[in-house]
Amino acid sequence: MEGRALFTLNPNSGIPIYRQLIEQVRRMVASGQLQPGNEMPSVRELAVTHAVNPMTISKAYSLLENEGLLERQRGKAMTIAAEHGSKESKAARLQHLQPAVEQLAMAARQLQLSPDDVLKALKNTMEQHDD
């Protein structure tokens, strides 16, 4: 799999690292960025790249395997499971964002920010990450 920096793990986000990884894999499979048969980085490789405990990565992989999203083949890298072959609809992909959108909306209300202010900030952030 190209670009081991595919995942962004932030130890200061307040969200456990294993949950961050699980959600990112789910979203990337839903969008078609990760296809059936794609190999996942090894536990050791991700742990070293992101300076986290290998058990954290292993926990995320095990939960994704239990969910049927990843497949383990003895002596080989974990891969995206075959039954997750088609890109989800836009509506289904938007559902993956709903918890984050709700959290963002609550924070914006508490900060008394307008929808326009929030949309502008979101657009700027997305554009910065596209570079």
C-alpha atoms as a PDB file:
ATOM      1  CA  MET A   1       0.000   0.000   0.000  1.00  0.00           C
ATOM      2  CA  GLU A   2       1.448   3.336  -0.973  1.00  0.00           C
ATOM      3  CA  GLY A   3       1.802   6.288   1.364  1.00  0.00           C
ATOM      4  CA  ARG A   4       2.136   4.982   4.875  1.00  0.00           C
ATOM      5  CA  ALA A   5       1.201   8.532   5.942  1.00  0.00           C
ATOM      6  CA  LEU A   6      -2.267   7.627   4.716  1.00  0.00           C
ATOM      7  CA  PHE A   7      -3.452   7.601   8.306  1.00  0.00           C
ATOM      8  CA  THR A   8      -3.323  10.605  10.609  1.00  0.00           C
ATOM      9  CA  LEU A   9      -3.158   9.612  14.253  1.00  0.00           C
ATOM     10  CA  ASN A  10      -3.301  12.412  16.796  1.00  0.00           C
ATOM     11  CA  PRO A  11      -2.512  11.427  20.401  1.00  0.00           C
ATOM     12  CA  ASN A  12      -3.795  14.803  21.628  1.00  0.00           C
ATOM     13  CA  SER A  13      -7.253  14.625  20.043  1.00  0.00           C
ATOM     14  CA  GLY A  14      -9.017  13.070  23.029  1.00  0.00           C
ATOM     15  CA  ILE A  15     -10.097  10.152  20.815  1.00  0.00           C
ATOM     16  CA  PRO A  16      -8.224   6.907  21.494  1.00  0.00           C
ATOM     17  CA  ILE A  17      -5.644   6.110  18.797  1.00  0.00           C
ATOM     18  CA  TYR A  18      -7.216   2.738  18.001  1.00  0.00           C
ATOM     19  CA  ARG A  19     -10.611   4.447  17.428  1.00  0.00           C
ATOM     20  CA  GLN A  20      -8.988   7.031  15.139  1.00  0.00           C
ATOM     21  CA  LEU A  21      -7.456   4.257  13.049  1.00  0.00           C
ATOM     22  CA  ILE A  22     -10.684   2.250  12.896  1.00  0.00           C
ATOM     23  CA  GLU A  23     -12.722   5.261  11.772  1.00  0.00           C
ATOM     24  CA  GLN A  24     -10.163   6.234   9.143  1.00  0.00           C
ATOM     25  CA  VAL A  25     -10.078   2.715   7.682  1.00  0.00           C
ATOM     26  CA  ARG A  26     -13.896   2.592   7.619  1.00  0.00           C
ATOM     27  CA  ARG A  27     -14.091   5.939   5.810  1.00  0.00           C
ATOM     28  CA  MET A  28     -11.389   5.034   3.308  1.00  0.00           C
ATOM     29  CA  VAL A  29     -13.084   1.728   2.493  1.00  0.00           C
ATOM     30  CA  ALA A  30     -16.441   3.518   2.173  1.00  0.00           C
ATOM     31  CA  SER A  31     -14.944   6.036  -0.267  1.00  0.00           C
ATOM     32  CA  GLY A  32     -13.122   3.402  -2.300  1.00  0.00           C
ATOM     33  CA  GLN A  33      -9.652   4.674  -1.374  1.00  0.00           C
ATOM     34  CA  LEU A  34      -8.950   1.273   0.139  1.00  0.00           C
ATOM     35  CA  GLN A  35     -10.023  -1.560  -2.156  1.00  0.00           C
ATOM     36  CA  PRO A  36     -10.541  -5.279  -1.471  1.00  0.00           C
ATOM     37  CA  GLY A  37      -7.202  -7.031  -1.382  1.00  0.00           C
ATOM     38  CA  ASN A  38      -5.237  -3.865  -0.547  1.00  0.00           C
ATOM     39  CA  GLU A  39      -2.596  -4.703   2.019  1.00  0.00           C
ATOM     40  CA  MET A  40      -2.559  -2.786   5.256  1.00  0.00           C
ATOM     41  CA  PRO A  41       0.722  -1.594   6.747  1.00  0.00           C
ATOM     42  CA  SER A  42       2.105  -4.008   9.332  1.00  0.00           C
ATOM     43  CA  VAL A  43       1.383  -3.396  12.997  1.00  0.00           C
ATOM     44  CA  ARG A  44       5.060  -2.715  13.608  1.00  0.00           C
ATOM     45  CA  GLU A  45       5.326  -0.323  10.676  1.00  0.00           C
ATOM     46  CA  LEU A  46       2.325   1.770  11.762  1.00  0.00           C
ATOM     47  CA  ALA A  47       3.458   1.760  15.387  1.00  0.00           C
ATOM     48  CA  VAL A  48       6.921   3.026  14.449  1.00  0.00           C
ATOM     49  CA  THR A  49       5.614   5.577  11.911  1.00  0.00           C
ATOM     50  CA  HIS A  50       3.188   7.082  14.408  1.00  0.00           C
ATOM     51  CA  ALA A  51       5.213   6.443  17.593  1.00  0.00           C
ATOM     52  CA  VAL A  52       2.446   4.461  19.273  1.00  0.00           C
ATOM     53  CA  ASN A  53       2.332   1.158  21.130  1.00  0.00           C
ATOM     54  CA  PRO A  54       2.038  -1.794  18.705  1.00  0.00           C
ATOM     55  CA  MET A  55      -0.751  -3.220  20.889  1.00  0.00           C
ATOM     56  CA  THR A  56      -2.846  -0.148  20.013  1.00  0.00           C
ATOM     57  CA  ILE A  57      -2.539  -0.869  16.293  1.00  0.00           C
ATOM     58  CA  SER A  58      -3.104  -4.567  16.881  1.00  0.00           C
ATOM     59  CA  LYS A  59      -6.303  -3.796  18.811  1.00  0.00           C
ATOM     60  CA  ALA A  60      -7.634  -1.665  15.946  1.00  0.00           C
ATOM     61  CA  TYR A  61      -6.795  -4.340  13.373  1.00  0.00           C
ATOM     62  CA  SER A  62      -8.422  -7.064  15.488  1.00  0.00           C
ATOM     63  CA  LEU A  63     -11.623  -5.042  15.880  1.00  0.00           C
ATOM     64  CA  LEU A  64     -11.693  -4.334  12.129  1.00  0.00           C
ATOM     65  CA  GLU A  65     -11.164  -8.038  11.470  1.00  0.00           C
ATOM     66  CA  ASN A  66     -14.011  -8.968  13.836  1.00  0.00           C
ATOM     67  CA  GLU A  67     -16.210  -6.486  11.993  1.00  0.00           C
ATOM     68  CA  GLY A  68     -15.335  -8.197   8.705  1.00  0.00           C
ATOM     69  CA  LEU A  69     -13.553  -5.216   7.199  1.00  0.00           C
ATOM     70  CA  LEU A  70     -10.070  -6.766   7.307  1.00  0.00           C
ATOM     71  CA  GLU A  71      -8.903 -10.301   6.537  1.00  0.00           C
ATOM     72  CA  ARG A  72      -5.918 -12.017   8.090  1.00  0.00           C
ATOM     73  CA  GLN A  73      -3.959 -14.563   6.082  1.00  0.00           C
ATOM     74  CA  ARG A  74      -1.302 -16.438   7.959  1.00  0.00           C
ATOM     75  CA  GLY A  75       2.163 -15.173   7.108  1.00  0.00           C
ATOM     76  CA  LYS A  76       0.827 -12.283   5.002  1.00  0.00           C
ATOM     77  CA  ALA A  77      -0.266  -8.715   5.595  1.00  0.00           C
ATOM     78  CA  MET A  78      -3.806  -7.892   6.691  1.00  0.00           C
ATOM     79  CA  THR A  79      -5.923  -6.990   3.672  1.00  0.00           C
ATOM     80  CA  ILE A  80      -9.211  -5.258   3.004  1.00  0.00           C
ATOM     81  CA  ALA A  81     -11.928  -7.937   2.919  1.00  0.00           C
ATOM     82  CA  ALA A  82     -13.349  -8.922  -0.464  1.00  0.00           C
ATOM     83  CA  GLU A  83     -16.990  -8.241   0.412  1.00  0.00           C
ATOM     84  CA  HIS A  84     -16.247  -4.533   0.811  1.00  0.00           C
ATOM     85  CA  GLY A  85     -15.691  -4.050  -2.877  1.00  0.00           C
ATOM     86  CA  SER A  86     -17.970  -1.245  -3.936  1.00  0.00           C
ATOM     87  CA  LYS A  87     -17.752   2.400  -3.093  1.00  0.00           C
ATOM     88  CA  GLU A  88     -20.637   3.459  -0.875  1.00  0.00           C
ATOM     89  CA  SER A  89     -23.161   6.020  -2.077  1.00  0.00           C
ATOM     90  CA  LYS A  90     -22.561   9.650  -1.242  1.00  0.00           C
ATOM     91  CA  ALA A  91     -25.411   9.549   1.299  1.00  0.00           C
ATOM     92  CA  ALA A  92     -23.867   6.522   3.023  1.00  0.00           C
ATOM     93  CA  ARG A  93     -20.457   8.191   3.083  1.00  0.00           C
ATOM     94  CA  LEU A  94     -21.977  11.341   4.572  1.00  0.00           C
ATOM     95  CA  GLN A  95     -23.414   9.186   7.369  1.00  0.00           C
ATOM     96  CA  HIS A  96     -19.832   8.400   8.416  1.00  0.00           C
ATOM     97  CA  LEU A  97     -19.373  12.128   9.070  1.00  0.00           C
ATOM     98  CA  GLN A  98     -22.550  12.608  11.097  1.00  0.00           C
ATOM     99  CA  PRO A  99     -21.020  12.179  14.581  1.00  0.00           C
ATOM    100  CA  ALA A 100     -18.254  14.680  13.772  1.00  0.00           C
ATOM    101  CA  VAL A 101     -20.776  17.098  12.218  1.00  0.00           C
ATOM    102  CA  GLU A 102     -22.947  16.954  15.331  1.00  0.00           C
ATOM    103  CA  GLN A 103     -19.943  17.587  17.560  1.00  0.00           C
ATOM    104  CA  LEU A 104     -18.824  20.487  15.349  1.00  0.00           C
ATOM    105  CA  ALA A 105     -22.339  22.001  15.345  1.00  0.00           C
ATOM    106  CA  MET A 106     -22.545  21.808  19.148  1.00  0.00           C
ATOM    107  CA  ALA A 107     -19.120  23.448  19.552  1.00  0.00           C
ATOM    108  CA  ALA A 108     -20.058  26.176  17.057  1.00  0.00           C
ATOM    109  CA  ARG A 109     -23.285  26.946  18.958  1.00  0.00           C
ATOM    110  CA  GLN A 110     -21.389  27.099  22.246  1.00  0.00           C
ATOM    111  CA  LEU A 111     -18.878  29.486  20.681  1.00  0.00           C
ATOM    112  CA  GLN A 112     -21.731  31.490  19.131  1.00  0.00           C
ATOM    113  CA  LEU A 113     -20.345  31.089  15.608  1.00  0.00           C
ATOM    114  CA  SER A 114     -22.555  31.408  12.555  1.00  0.00           C
ATOM    115  CA  PRO A 115     -22.953  28.588  10.032  1.00  0.00           C
ATOM    116  CA  ASP A 116     -21.101  30.787   7.515  1.00  0.00           C
ATOM    117  CA  ASP A 117     -18.138  31.157   9.898  1.00  0.00           C
ATOM    118  CA  VAL A 118     -18.003  27.404  10.455  1.00  0.00           C
ATOM    119  CA  LEU A 119     -18.311  26.593   6.752  1.00  0.00           C
ATOM    120  CA  LYS A 120     -15.513  29.040   5.934  1.00  0.00           C
ATOM    121  CA  ALA A 121     -13.252  27.499   8.597  1.00  0.00           C
ATOM    122  CA  LEU A 122     -14.069  23.979   7.367  1.00  0.00           C
ATOM    123  CA  LYS A 123     -13.390  24.933   3.753  1.00  0.00           C
ATOM    124  CA  ASN A 124     -10.049  26.536   4.682  1.00  0.00           C
ATOM    125  CA  THR A 125      -9.008  23.473   6.668  1.00  0.00           C
ATOM    126  CA  MET A 126      -9.953  21.090   3.859  1.00  0.00           C
ATOM    127  CA  GLU A 127      -8.046  23.194   1.329  1.00  0.00           C
ATOM    128  CA  GLN A 128      -4.944  23.233   3.548  1.00  0.00           C
ATOM    129  CA  HIS A 129      -5.042  19.436   3.798  1.00  0.00           C
ATOM    130  CA  ASP A 130      -5.429  19.070   0.029  1.00  0.00           C
ATOM    131  CA  ASP A 131      -2.009  20.660  -0.520  1.00  0.00           C
END
